[in-house]
Amino acid sequence: MPLIKPRTTRTKLVRHITQLFAENQEELYAYAAFIHESTAYVLNELIETLKKDQDFRAWRADHPASCVPVPGHAKTRRYSAAAHARTSAGRAGMTALPPSA
């Protein structure tokens, strides 16, 4: 018996791009095939299960404002050392990113 039931209603969707661990991607697609639904539906239902976490519910009650980042806000962020290391410049051994043109 599946933990996630196939959907019965439709709702508004927003686009969200993310990264998954390779093994989680396989499980996501396998589960979606198992219940004959889309991967987006499976991810949304998994997020719905997070709402059952009592600690999270208490935290959300204390933090009711939206946690969605403001569009364009990320452009002003500085690269952390870890983020820089993941770039081609970091792998090439450059100590700083070249200035934007």
PDB file of N, CA and C in Angstrom:
ATOM      1  N   MET A   1       0.855  -1.186   0.000  1.00  0.00           N
ATOM      2  CA  MET A   1       0.000   0.000   0.000  1.00  0.00           C
ATOM      3  C   MET A   1       0.896   1.243   0.000  1.00  0.00           C
ATOM      4  N   PRO A   2       0.736   2.129  -0.974  1.00  0.00           N
ATOM      5  CA  PRO A   2       1.591   3.312  -1.049  1.00  0.00           C
ATOM      6  C   PRO A   2       1.325   4.298   0.090  1.00  0.00           C
ATOM      7  N   LEU A   3       2.397   4.963   0.528  1.00  0.00           N
ATOM      8  CA  LEU A   3       2.265   6.017   1.543  1.00  0.00           C
ATOM      9  C   LEU A   3       1.631   7.261   0.953  1.00  0.00           C
ATOM     10  N   ILE A   4       1.926   7.532  -0.307  1.00  0.00           N
ATOM     11  CA  ILE A   4       1.381   8.702  -0.994  1.00  0.00           C
ATOM     12  C   ILE A   4       0.272   8.223  -1.918  1.00  0.00           C
ATOM     13  N   LYS A   5      -0.893   8.777  -1.762  1.00  0.00           N
ATOM     14  CA  LYS A   5      -2.050   8.414  -2.581  1.00  0.00           C
ATOM     15  C   LYS A   5      -2.069   9.261  -3.849  1.00  0.00           C
ATOM     16  N   PRO A   6      -2.550   8.712  -4.966  1.00  0.00           N
ATOM     17  CA  PRO A   6      -2.684   9.522  -6.178  1.00  0.00           C
ATOM     18  C   PRO A   6      -3.609  10.714  -5.931  1.00  0.00           C
ATOM     19  N   ARG A   7      -3.356  11.799  -6.633  1.00  0.00           N
ATOM     20  CA  ARG A   7      -4.114  13.035  -6.404  1.00  0.00           C
ATOM     21  C   ARG A   7      -5.555  12.917  -6.860  1.00  0.00           C
ATOM     22  N   THR A   8      -6.389  13.689  -6.216  1.00  0.00           N
ATOM     23  CA  THR A   8      -7.806  13.716  -6.582  1.00  0.00           C
ATOM     24  C   THR A   8      -8.222  15.100  -7.066  1.00  0.00           C
ATOM     25  N   THR A   9      -7.426  16.136  -6.780  1.00  0.00           N
ATOM     26  CA  THR A   9      -7.741  17.498  -7.225  1.00  0.00           C
ATOM     27  C   THR A   9      -6.495  18.143  -7.826  1.00  0.00           C
ATOM     28  N   ARG A  10      -6.702  19.200  -8.565  1.00  0.00           N
ATOM     29  CA  ARG A  10      -5.602  19.963  -9.161  1.00  0.00           C
ATOM     30  C   ARG A  10      -5.429  21.259  -8.380  1.00  0.00           C
ATOM     31  N   THR A  11      -4.214  21.790  -8.392  1.00  0.00           N
ATOM     32  CA  THR A  11      -3.939  23.047  -7.716  1.00  0.00           C
ATOM     33  C   THR A  11      -2.918  23.829  -8.530  1.00  0.00           C
ATOM     34  N   LYS A  12      -2.723  25.098  -8.201  1.00  0.00           N
ATOM     35  CA  LYS A  12      -1.774  25.949  -8.909  1.00  0.00           C
ATOM     36  C   LYS A  12      -0.352  25.447  -8.671  1.00  0.00           C
ATOM     37  N   LEU A  13       0.456  25.439  -9.713  1.00  0.00           N
ATOM     38  CA  LEU A  13       1.846  25.003  -9.611  1.00  0.00           C
ATOM     39  C   LEU A  13       2.782  26.179  -9.830  1.00  0.00           C
ATOM     40  N   VAL A  14       3.942  26.149  -9.200  1.00  0.00           N
ATOM     41  CA  VAL A  14       5.014  27.105  -9.451  1.00  0.00           C
ATOM     42  C   VAL A  14       6.250  26.305  -9.830  1.00  0.00           C
ATOM     43  N   ARG A  15       7.114  26.897 -10.621  1.00  0.00           N
ATOM     44  CA  ARG A  15       8.335  26.222 -11.054  1.00  0.00           C
ATOM     45  C   ARG A  15       9.396  26.364  -9.968  1.00  0.00           C
ATOM     46  N   HIS A  16      10.070  25.254  -9.666  1.00  0.00           N
ATOM     47  CA  HIS A  16      11.150  25.260  -8.689  1.00  0.00           C
ATOM     48  C   HIS A  16      12.243  24.337  -9.193  1.00  0.00           C
ATOM     49  N   ILE A  17      13.441  24.862  -9.363  1.00  0.00           N
ATOM     50  CA  ILE A  17      14.566  24.069  -9.830  1.00  0.00           C
ATOM     51  C   ILE A  17      15.425  23.714  -8.628  1.00  0.00           C
ATOM     52  N   THR A  18      15.778  22.452  -8.497  1.00  0.00           N
ATOM     53  CA  THR A  18      16.572  22.009  -7.364  1.00  0.00           C
ATOM     54  C   THR A  18      17.527  20.909  -7.793  1.00  0.00           C
ATOM     55  N   GLN A  19      18.348  20.461  -6.870  1.00  0.00           N
ATOM     56  CA  GLN A  19      19.257  19.358  -7.127  1.00  0.00           C
ATOM     57  C   GLN A  19      18.942  18.239  -6.154  1.00  0.00           C
ATOM     58  N   LEU A  20      19.089  17.006  -6.626  1.00  0.00           N
ATOM     59  CA  LEU A  20      18.852  15.832  -5.795  1.00  0.00           C
ATOM     60  C   LEU A  20      20.102  14.975  -5.782  1.00  0.00           C
ATOM     61  N   PHE A  21      20.265  14.203  -4.728  1.00  0.00           N
ATOM     62  CA  PHE A  21      21.289  13.170  -4.741  1.00  0.00           C
ATOM     63  C   PHE A  21      20.884  12.169  -5.809  1.00  0.00           C
ATOM     64  N   ALA A  22      21.843  11.590  -6.517  1.00  0.00           N
ATOM     65  CA  ALA A  22      21.551  10.678  -7.629  1.00  0.00           C
ATOM     66  C   ALA A  22      20.650   9.518  -7.196  1.00  0.00           C
ATOM     67  N   GLU A  23      20.928   8.940  -6.035  1.00  0.00           N
ATOM     68  CA  GLU A  23      20.115   7.809  -5.582  1.00  0.00           C
ATOM     69  C   GLU A  23      18.694   8.249  -5.239  1.00  0.00           C
ATOM     70  N   ASN A  24      18.521   9.482  -4.794  1.00  0.00           N
ATOM     71  CA  ASN A  24      17.176   9.991  -4.504  1.00  0.00           C
ATOM     72  C   ASN A  24      16.400  10.251  -5.785  1.00  0.00           C
ATOM     73  N   GLN A  25      17.092  10.652  -6.843  1.00  0.00           N
ATOM     74  CA  GLN A  25      16.407  10.855  -8.115  1.00  0.00           C
ATOM     75  C   GLN A  25      15.823   9.536  -8.602  1.00  0.00           C
ATOM     76  N   GLU A  26      16.589   8.470  -8.508  1.00  0.00           N
ATOM     77  CA  GLU A  26      16.098   7.161  -8.933  1.00  0.00           C
ATOM     78  C   GLU A  26      14.866   6.759  -8.122  1.00  0.00           C
ATOM     79  N   GLU A  27      14.929   6.945  -6.800  1.00  0.00           N
ATOM     80  CA  GLU A  27      13.802   6.588  -5.945  1.00  0.00           C
ATOM     81  C   GLU A  27      12.587   7.463  -6.231  1.00  0.00           C
ATOM     82  N   LEU A  28      12.817   8.737  -6.519  1.00  0.00           N
ATOM     83  CA  LEU A  28      11.714   9.650  -6.846  1.00  0.00           C
ATOM     84  C   LEU A  28      10.978   9.168  -8.093  1.00  0.00           C
ATOM     85  N   TYR A  29      11.710   8.871  -9.146  1.00  0.00           N
ATOM     86  CA  TYR A  29      11.079   8.416 -10.382  1.00  0.00           C
ATOM     87  C   TYR A  29      10.427   7.045 -10.207  1.00  0.00           C
ATOM     88  N   ALA A  30      11.068   6.183  -9.421  1.00  0.00           N
ATOM     89  CA  ALA A  30      10.495   4.856  -9.182  1.00  0.00           C
ATOM     90  C   ALA A  30       9.176   4.975  -8.418  1.00  0.00           C
ATOM     91  N   TYR A  31       9.143   5.831  -7.380  1.00  0.00           N
ATOM     92  CA  TYR A  31       7.913   5.984  -6.603  1.00  0.00           C
ATOM     93  C   TYR A  31       6.804   6.600  -7.449  1.00  0.00           C
ATOM     94  N   ALA A  32       7.177   7.579  -8.277  1.00  0.00           N
ATOM     95  CA  ALA A  32       6.184   8.203  -9.161  1.00  0.00           C
ATOM     96  C   ALA A  32       5.591   7.162 -10.111  1.00  0.00           C
ATOM     97  N   ALA A  33       6.432   6.285 -10.642  1.00  0.00           N
ATOM     98  CA  ALA A  33       5.926   5.222 -11.519  1.00  0.00           C
ATOM     99  C   ALA A  33       5.039   4.254 -10.736  1.00  0.00           C
ATOM    100  N   PHE A  34       5.422   3.971  -9.496  1.00  0.00           N
ATOM    101  CA  PHE A  34       4.670   3.057  -8.637  1.00  0.00           C
ATOM    102  C   PHE A  34       3.233   3.525  -8.411  1.00  0.00           C
ATOM    103  N   ILE A  35       3.052   4.847  -8.191  1.00  0.00           N
ATOM    104  CA  ILE A  35       1.695   5.361  -7.944  1.00  0.00           C
ATOM    105  C   ILE A  35       1.079   5.997  -9.190  1.00  0.00           C
ATOM    106  N   HIS A  36       1.767   5.905 -10.325  1.00  0.00           N
ATOM    107  CA  HIS A  36       1.276   6.444 -11.598  1.00  0.00           C
ATOM    108  C   HIS A  36       0.998   7.939 -11.511  1.00  0.00           C
ATOM    109  N   GLU A  37       1.955   8.662 -10.942  1.00  0.00           N
ATOM    110  CA  GLU A  37       1.848  10.117 -10.819  1.00  0.00           C
ATOM    111  C   GLU A  37       3.148  10.764 -11.287  1.00  0.00           C
ATOM    112  N   SER A  38       3.169  12.100 -11.328  1.00  0.00           N
ATOM    113  CA  SER A  38       4.367  12.831 -11.728  1.00  0.00           C
ATOM    114  C   SER A  38       5.331  12.945 -10.548  1.00  0.00           C
ATOM    115  N   THR A  39       6.587  13.207 -10.872  1.00  0.00           N
ATOM    116  CA  THR A  39       7.580  13.409  -9.810  1.00  0.00           C
ATOM    117  C   THR A  39       7.258  14.674  -9.013  1.00  0.00           C
ATOM    118  N   ALA A  40       6.706  15.688  -9.676  1.00  0.00           N
ATOM    119  CA  ALA A  40       6.330  16.919  -8.974  1.00  0.00           C
ATOM    120  C   ALA A  40       5.282  16.627  -7.905  1.00  0.00           C
ATOM    121  N   TYR A  41       4.327  15.775  -8.241  1.00  0.00           N
ATOM    122  CA  TYR A  41       3.296  15.420  -7.267  1.00  0.00           C
ATOM    123  C   TYR A  41       3.908  14.701  -6.067  1.00  0.00           C
ATOM    124  N   VAL A  42       4.824  13.775  -6.316  1.00  0.00           N
ATOM    125  CA  VAL A  42       5.466  13.046  -5.220  1.00  0.00           C
ATOM    126  C   VAL A  42       6.218  14.014  -4.311  1.00  0.00           C
ATOM    127  N   LEU A  43       6.975  14.937  -4.888  1.00  0.00           N
ATOM    128  CA  LEU A  43       7.711  15.915  -4.075  1.00  0.00           C
ATOM    129  C   LEU A  43       6.757  16.784  -3.264  1.00  0.00           C
ATOM    130  N   ASN A  44       5.666  17.227  -3.879  1.00  0.00           N
ATOM    131  CA  ASN A  44       4.689  18.042  -3.144  1.00  0.00           C
ATOM    132  C   ASN A  44       4.070  17.273  -1.985  1.00  0.00           C
ATOM    133  N   GLU A  45       3.773  16.014  -2.194  1.00  0.00           N
ATOM    134  CA  GLU A  45       3.199  15.205  -1.116  1.00  0.00           C
ATOM    135  C   GLU A  45       4.221  14.957  -0.008  1.00  0.00           C
ATOM    136  N   LEU A  46       5.485  14.804  -0.363  1.00  0.00           N
ATOM    137  CA  LEU A  46       6.517  14.659   0.665  1.00  0.00           C
ATOM    138  C   LEU A  46       6.615  15.923   1.524  1.00  0.00           C
ATOM    139  N   ILE A  47       6.511  17.067   0.873  1.00  0.00           N
ATOM    140  CA  ILE A  47       6.539  18.332   1.615  1.00  0.00           C
ATOM    141  C   ILE A  47       5.314  18.448   2.510  1.00  0.00           C
ATOM    142  N   GLU A  48       4.173  17.980   2.036  1.00  0.00           N
ATOM    143  CA  GLU A  48       2.964  17.989   2.875  1.00  0.00           C
ATOM    144  C   GLU A  48       3.187  17.180   4.154  1.00  0.00           C
ATOM    145  N   THR A  49       3.953  16.090   4.066  1.00  0.00           N
ATOM    146  CA  THR A  49       4.213  15.277   5.266  1.00  0.00           C
ATOM    147  C   THR A  49       5.061  16.036   6.276  1.00  0.00           C
ATOM    148  N   LEU A  50       5.859  16.997   5.824  1.00  0.00           N
ATOM    149  CA  LEU A  50       6.667  17.797   6.754  1.00  0.00           C
ATOM    150  C   LEU A  50       5.790  18.625   7.689  1.00  0.00           C
ATOM    151  N   LYS A  51       4.604  18.955   7.232  1.00  0.00           N
ATOM    152  CA  LYS A  51       3.686  19.755   8.043  1.00  0.00           C
ATOM    153  C   LYS A  51       3.212  19.000   9.283  1.00  0.00           C
ATOM    154  N   LYS A  52       3.445  17.697   9.325  1.00  0.00           N
ATOM    155  CA  LYS A  52       3.060  16.896  10.489  1.00  0.00           C
ATOM    156  C   LYS A  52       4.124  16.931  11.582  1.00  0.00           C
ATOM    157  N   ASP A  53       5.306  17.465  11.277  1.00  0.00           N
ATOM    158  CA  ASP A  53       6.399  17.571  12.241  1.00  0.00           C
ATOM    159  C   ASP A  53       6.028  18.628  13.296  1.00  0.00           C
ATOM    160  N   GLN A  54       5.855  18.204  14.533  1.00  0.00           N
ATOM    161  CA  GLN A  54       5.403  19.114  15.598  1.00  0.00           C
ATOM    162  C   GLN A  54       6.391  20.254  15.837  1.00  0.00           C
ATOM    163  N   ASP A  55       7.687  19.977  15.803  1.00  0.00           N
ATOM    164  CA  ASP A  55       8.682  21.035  15.998  1.00  0.00           C
ATOM    165  C   ASP A  55       8.616  22.060  14.872  1.00  0.00           C
ATOM    166  N   PHE A  56       8.438  21.573  13.645  1.00  0.00           N
ATOM    167  CA  PHE A  56       8.328  22.477  12.503  1.00  0.00           C
ATOM    168  C   PHE A  56       7.069  23.326  12.612  1.00  0.00           C
ATOM    169  N   ARG A  57       5.959  22.714  13.006  1.00  0.00           N
ATOM    170  CA  ARG A  57       4.711  23.461  13.159  1.00  0.00           C
ATOM    171  C   ARG A  57       4.865  24.563  14.198  1.00  0.00           C
ATOM    172  N   ALA A  58       5.544  24.275  15.293  1.00  0.00           N
ATOM    173  CA  ALA A  58       5.775  25.291  16.328  1.00  0.00           C
ATOM    174  C   ALA A  58       6.663  26.408  15.785  1.00  0.00           C
ATOM    175  N   TRP A  59       7.692  26.034  15.036  1.00  0.00           N
ATOM    176  CA  TRP A  59       8.597  27.035  14.464  1.00  0.00           C
ATOM    177  C   TRP A  59       7.848  27.914  13.471  1.00  0.00           C
ATOM    178  N   ARG A  60       7.005  27.306  12.618  1.00  0.00           N
ATOM    179  CA  ARG A  60       6.240  28.092  11.650  1.00  0.00           C
ATOM    180  C   ARG A  60       5.265  29.032  12.345  1.00  0.00           C
ATOM    181  N   ALA A  61       4.707  28.615  13.475  1.00  0.00           N
ATOM    182  CA  ALA A  61       3.799  29.496  14.216  1.00  0.00           C
ATOM    183  C   ALA A  61       4.550  30.730  14.706  1.00  0.00           C
ATOM    184  N   ASP A  62       5.828  30.554  15.058  1.00  0.00           N
ATOM    185  CA  ASP A  62       6.659  31.676  15.500  1.00  0.00           C
ATOM    186  C   ASP A  62       7.239  32.473  14.341  1.00  0.00           C
ATOM    187  N   HIS A  63       7.232  31.902  13.138  1.00  0.00           N
ATOM    188  CA  HIS A  63       7.804  32.534  11.948  1.00  0.00           C
ATOM    189  C   HIS A  63       6.789  32.468  10.802  1.00  0.00           C
ATOM    190  N   PRO A  64       5.690  33.237  10.899  1.00  0.00           N
ATOM    191  CA  PRO A  64       4.627  33.133   9.894  1.00  0.00           C
ATOM    192  C   PRO A  64       4.947  33.799   8.548  1.00  0.00           C
ATOM    193  N   ALA A  65       5.989  34.629   8.502  1.00  0.00           N
ATOM    194  CA  ALA A  65       6.313  35.317   7.245  1.00  0.00           C
ATOM    195  C   ALA A  65       6.824  34.326   6.208  1.00  0.00           C
ATOM    196  N   SER A  66       6.708  34.706   4.950  1.00  0.00           N
ATOM    197  CA  SER A  66       7.187  33.855   3.864  1.00  0.00           C
ATOM    198  C   SER A  66       8.698  33.665   3.958  1.00  0.00           C
ATOM    199  N   CYS A  67       9.140  32.460   3.696  1.00  0.00           N
ATOM    200  CA  CYS A  67      10.571  32.144   3.674  1.00  0.00           C
ATOM    201  C   CYS A  67      11.085  32.033   2.242  1.00  0.00           C
ATOM    202  N   VAL A  68      10.213  32.318   1.266  1.00  0.00           N
ATOM    203  CA  VAL A  68      10.602  32.240  -0.141  1.00  0.00           C
ATOM    204  C   VAL A  68      11.525  33.422  -0.443  1.00  0.00           C
ATOM    205  N   PRO A  69      12.704  33.174  -1.034  1.00  0.00           N
ATOM    206  CA  PRO A  69      13.625  34.272  -1.344  1.00  0.00           C
ATOM    207  C   PRO A  69      13.008  35.261  -2.326  1.00  0.00           C
ATOM    208  N   VAL A  70      13.368  36.511  -2.189  1.00  0.00           N
ATOM    209  CA  VAL A  70      12.900  37.561  -3.089  1.00  0.00           C
ATOM    210  C   VAL A  70      13.652  37.419  -4.413  1.00  0.00           C
ATOM    211  N   PRO A  71      12.948  37.437  -5.560  1.00  0.00           N
ATOM    212  CA  PRO A  71      13.641  37.318  -6.842  1.00  0.00           C
ATOM    213  C   PRO A  71      14.698  38.400  -7.014  1.00  0.00           C
ATOM    214  N   GLY A  72      15.863  38.009  -7.498  1.00  0.00           N
ATOM    215  CA  GLY A  72      16.948  38.960  -7.727  1.00  0.00           C
ATOM    216  C   GLY A  72      17.797  39.212  -6.511  1.00  0.00           C
ATOM    217  N   HIS A  73      17.315  38.847  -5.326  1.00  0.00           N
ATOM    218  CA  HIS A  73      18.059  39.100  -4.090  1.00  0.00           C
ATOM    219  C   HIS A  73      19.347  38.293  -4.041  1.00  0.00           C
ATOM    220  N   ALA A  74      19.351  37.102  -4.599  1.00  0.00           N
ATOM    221  CA  ALA A  74      20.522  36.231  -4.541  1.00  0.00           C
ATOM    222  C   ALA A  74      21.694  36.806  -5.331  1.00  0.00           C
ATOM    223  N   LYS A  75      21.435  37.695  -6.273  1.00  0.00           N
ATOM    224  CA  LYS A  75      22.508  38.262  -7.089  1.00  0.00           C
ATOM    225  C   LYS A  75      23.465  39.121  -6.266  1.00  0.00           C
ATOM    226  N   THR A  76      23.025  39.609  -5.135  1.00  0.00           N
ATOM    227  CA  THR A  76      23.881  40.465  -4.320  1.00  0.00           C
ATOM    228  C   THR A  76      24.727  39.663  -3.335  1.00  0.00           C
ATOM    229  N   ARG A  77      24.506  38.359  -3.257  1.00  0.00           N
ATOM    230  CA  ARG A  77      25.262  37.521  -2.332  1.00  0.00           C
ATOM    231  C   ARG A  77      26.701  37.345  -2.774  1.00  0.00           C
ATOM    232  N   ARG A  78      27.591  37.243  -1.828  1.00  0.00           N
ATOM    233  CA  ARG A  78      28.989  36.916  -2.097  1.00  0.00           C
ATOM    234  C   ARG A  78      29.128  35.406  -2.127  1.00  0.00           C
ATOM    235  N   TYR A  79      30.063  34.928  -2.925  1.00  0.00           N
ATOM    236  CA  TYR A  79      30.342  33.501  -2.951  1.00  0.00           C
ATOM    237  C   TYR A  79      31.040  33.086  -1.659  1.00  0.00           C
ATOM    238  N   SER A  80      30.566  32.031  -1.041  1.00  0.00           N
ATOM    239  CA  SER A  80      31.273  31.470   0.108  1.00  0.00           C
ATOM    240  C   SER A  80      32.432  30.653  -0.437  1.00  0.00           C
ATOM    241  N   ALA A  81      33.363  30.291   0.420  1.00  0.00           N
ATOM    242  CA  ALA A  81      34.510  29.489   0.000  1.00  0.00           C
ATOM    243  C   ALA A  81      34.039  28.163  -0.599  1.00  0.00           C
ATOM    244  N   ALA A  82      33.017  27.553   0.020  1.00  0.00           N
ATOM    245  CA  ALA A  82      32.508  26.274  -0.486  1.00  0.00           C
ATOM    246  C   ALA A  82      31.853  26.449  -1.850  1.00  0.00           C
ATOM    247  N   ALA A  83      31.089  27.518  -2.020  1.00  0.00           N
ATOM    248  CA  ALA A  83      30.441  27.761  -3.305  1.00  0.00           C
ATOM    249  C   ALA A  83      31.486  28.056  -4.374  1.00  0.00           C
ATOM    250  N   HIS A  84      32.509  28.814  -4.025  1.00  0.00           N
ATOM    251  CA  HIS A  84      33.575  29.130  -4.987  1.00  0.00           C
ATOM    252  C   HIS A  84      34.298  27.861  -5.413  1.00  0.00           C
ATOM    253  N   ALA A  85      34.536  26.950  -4.482  1.00  0.00           N
ATOM    254  CA  ALA A  85      35.244  25.713  -4.794  1.00  0.00           C
ATOM    255  C   ALA A  85      34.459  24.861  -5.781  1.00  0.00           C
ATOM    256  N   ARG A  86      33.127  25.006  -5.806  1.00  0.00           N
ATOM    257  CA  ARG A  86      32.300  24.225  -6.723  1.00  0.00           C
ATOM    258  C   ARG A  86      32.244  24.830  -8.122  1.00  0.00           C
ATOM    259  N   THR A  87      32.770  26.044  -8.300  1.00  0.00           N
ATOM    260  CA  THR A  87      32.750  26.679  -9.613  1.00  0.00           C
ATOM    261  C   THR A  87      33.954  26.240 -10.427  1.00  0.00           C
ATOM    262  N   SER A  88      33.889  26.466 -11.738  1.00  0.00           N
ATOM    263  CA  SER A  88      35.028  26.112 -12.583  1.00  0.00           C
ATOM    264  C   SER A  88      36.244  26.955 -12.209  1.00  0.00           C
ATOM    265  N   ALA A  89      36.020  28.202 -11.779  1.00  0.00           N
ATOM    266  CA  ALA A  89      37.145  29.035 -11.364  1.00  0.00           C
ATOM    267  C   ALA A  89      37.822  28.447 -10.132  1.00  0.00           C
ATOM    268  N   GLY A  90      37.033  27.967  -9.200  1.00  0.00           N
ATOM    269  CA  GLY A  90      37.594  27.369  -7.988  1.00  0.00           C
ATOM    270  C   GLY A  90      38.352  26.101  -8.298  1.00  0.00           C
ATOM    271  N   ARG A  91      37.817  25.285  -9.199  1.00  0.00           N
ATOM    272  CA  ARG A  91      38.515  24.051  -9.564  1.00  0.00           C
ATOM    273  C   ARG A  91      39.787  24.351 -10.335  1.00  0.00           C
ATOM    274  N   ALA A  92      39.843  25.500 -11.001  1.00  0.00           N
ATOM    275  CA  ALA A  92      41.032  25.881 -11.752  1.00  0.00           C
ATOM    276  C   ALA A  92      42.080  26.516 -10.852  1.00  0.00           C
ATOM    277  N   GLY A  93      41.759  26.673  -9.588  1.00  0.00           N
ATOM    278  CA  GLY A  93      42.719  27.222  -8.629  1.00  0.00           C
ATOM    279  C   GLY A  93      42.742  28.737  -8.540  1.00  0.00           C
ATOM    280  N   MET A  94      41.762  29.399  -9.155  1.00  0.00           N
ATOM    281  CA  MET A  94      41.712  30.855  -9.082  1.00  0.00           C
ATOM    282  C   MET A  94      41.302  31.267  -7.672  1.00  0.00           C
ATOM    283  N   THR A  95      41.929  32.279  -7.121  1.00  0.00           N
ATOM    284  CA  THR A  95      41.604  32.707  -5.766  1.00  0.00           C
ATOM    285  C   THR A  95      40.391  33.621  -5.723  1.00  0.00           C
ATOM    286  N   ALA A  96      40.058  34.244  -6.828  1.00  0.00           N
ATOM    287  CA  ALA A  96      38.881  35.123  -6.875  1.00  0.00           C
ATOM    288  C   ALA A  96      38.220  34.976  -8.235  1.00  0.00           C
ATOM    289  N   LEU A  97      36.945  35.233  -8.278  1.00  0.00           N
ATOM    290  CA  LEU A  97      36.231  35.187  -9.533  1.00  0.00           C
ATOM    291  C   LEU A  97      36.561  36.452 -10.337  1.00  0.00           C
ATOM    292  N   PRO A  98      36.670  36.343 -11.659  1.00  0.00           N
ATOM    293  CA  PRO A  98      36.934  37.535 -12.472  1.00  0.00           C
ATOM    294  C   PRO A  98      35.756  38.492 -12.384  1.00  0.00           C
ATOM    295  N   PRO A  99      36.007  39.787 -12.533  1.00  0.00           N
ATOM    296  CA  PRO A  99      34.908  40.764 -12.458  1.00  0.00           C
ATOM    297  C   PRO A  99      33.913  40.554 -13.602  1.00  0.00           C
ATOM    298  N   SER A 100      32.663  40.835 -13.305  1.00  0.00           N
ATOM    299  CA  SER A 100      31.602  40.703 -14.318  1.00  0.00           C
ATOM    300  C   SER A 100      31.757  41.782 -15.364  1.00  0.00           C
ATOM    301  N   ALA A 101      31.438  41.449 -16.578  1.00  0.00           N
ATOM    302  CA  ALA A 101      31.544  42.440 -17.666  1.00  0.00           C
ATOM    303  C   ALA A 101      30.312  43.274 -17.740  1.00  0.00           C
TER     304      ALA A 101
END
